[in-house]
Amino acid sequence: MKKNEKLQKVNSEISKHGITAVEIAKRAQAHPATVRAVLNGRLPGRRGSAHRIAVVLGLKEGEVSGDGDALARIREAVREAA
């Protein structure tokens, strides 16, 4: 699955579950603006909080502890679509 397709899938799943960027930011211990930048494709998630967000959302491989059930379902849906 291409990066753009993954971003679209993640955004679709976030909307389906009614999760906000603020909620994702709290769970990923990041700023909501960083979450939005990752979701819009402006930040690739290479380091720091952008990396953590990308992993939590299933855009990148890796592990982050305490990311919550809803975000785990989003990550799983993205992996299944790949």
Protein backbone atom coordinates (compact mmCIF):
# COMPACT_ATOMS: atom_id res chain seq x y z
CA MET A 1 0.00 0.00 0.00
CA LYS A 2 1.35 3.42 -0.95
CA LYS A 3 1.93 6.12 1.65
CA ASN A 4 -0.92 8.28 0.36
CA GLU A 5 -3.29 5.29 0.46
CA LYS A 6 -2.26 4.57 4.05
CA LEU A 7 -2.91 8.19 5.03
CA GLN A 8 -6.35 8.04 3.42
CA LYS A 9 -7.14 4.78 5.21
CA VAL A 10 -5.99 6.15 8.56
CA ASN A 11 -8.02 9.32 8.11
CA SER A 12 -11.06 7.23 7.14
CA GLU A 13 -10.69 5.00 10.21
CA ILE A 14 -10.23 8.01 12.49
CA SER A 15 -13.44 9.53 11.15
CA LYS A 16 -15.27 6.23 11.46
CA HIS A 17 -14.29 5.92 15.13
CA GLY A 18 -14.87 9.62 15.88
CA ILE A 19 -11.38 10.19 17.24
CA THR A 20 -9.98 13.72 17.26
CA ALA A 21 -6.41 14.90 16.73
CA VAL A 22 -6.42 16.08 20.35
CA GLU A 23 -7.23 12.56 21.58
CA ILE A 24 -4.49 11.05 19.43
CA ALA A 25 -2.07 13.71 20.68
CA LYS A 26 -2.84 12.90 24.32
CA ARG A 27 -2.33 9.18 23.75
CA ALA A 28 0.87 9.72 21.77
CA GLN A 29 2.11 12.42 24.17
CA ALA A 30 2.39 14.93 21.34
CA HIS A 31 0.97 18.27 20.24
CA PRO A 32 -2.28 18.20 18.22
CA ALA A 33 -0.64 20.27 15.45
CA THR A 34 1.95 17.53 15.04
CA VAL A 35 -0.82 14.93 14.74
CA ARG A 36 -2.53 17.00 12.05
CA ALA A 37 0.76 17.47 10.19
CA VAL A 38 1.36 13.69 10.15
CA LEU A 39 -2.24 13.00 9.07
CA ASN A 40 -1.98 15.57 6.27
CA GLY A 41 1.35 14.16 5.07
CA ARG A 42 3.37 17.27 5.90
CA LEU A 43 5.53 15.42 8.46
CA PRO A 44 6.89 11.99 7.47
CA GLY A 45 7.30 10.78 11.05
CA ARG A 46 11.04 10.23 11.06
CA ARG A 47 11.85 11.35 14.62
CA GLY A 48 10.40 12.37 17.94
CA SER A 49 6.69 12.88 18.41
CA ALA A 50 5.95 12.68 14.66
CA HIS A 51 7.55 9.22 14.62
CA ARG A 52 5.56 8.18 17.69
CA ILE A 53 2.32 9.36 16.04
CA ALA A 54 3.09 7.52 12.80
CA VAL A 55 3.72 4.30 14.74
CA VAL A 56 0.57 4.71 16.88
CA LEU A 57 -1.52 5.19 13.74
CA GLY A 58 0.06 2.29 11.87
CA LEU A 59 1.78 4.41 9.24
CA LYS A 60 5.16 3.01 10.32
CA GLU A 61 6.35 -0.19 11.94
CA GLY A 62 7.40 0.01 15.56
CA GLU A 63 5.98 -0.12 19.06
CA VAL A 64 4.62 2.53 21.37
CA SER A 65 3.24 1.62 24.77
CA GLY A 66 -0.16 2.78 26.01
CA ASP A 67 -1.70 3.78 22.68
CA GLY A 68 -5.28 2.74 23.54
CA ASP A 69 -7.79 0.31 22.07
CA ALA A 70 -9.33 2.59 19.40
CA LEU A 71 -5.93 3.49 17.98
CA ALA A 72 -4.93 -0.17 18.00
CA ARG A 73 -8.05 -0.94 15.92
CA ILE A 74 -7.11 1.79 13.44
CA ARG A 75 -3.57 0.44 13.18
CA GLU A 76 -4.93 -3.09 12.62
CA ALA A 77 -7.34 -1.90 9.90
CA VAL A 78 -4.46 -0.20 8.07
CA ARG A 79 -2.33 -3.34 8.29
CA GLU A 80 -5.18 -5.51 6.96
CA ALA A 81 -5.67 -3.17 4.00
CA ALA A 82 -1.97 -3.33 3.09
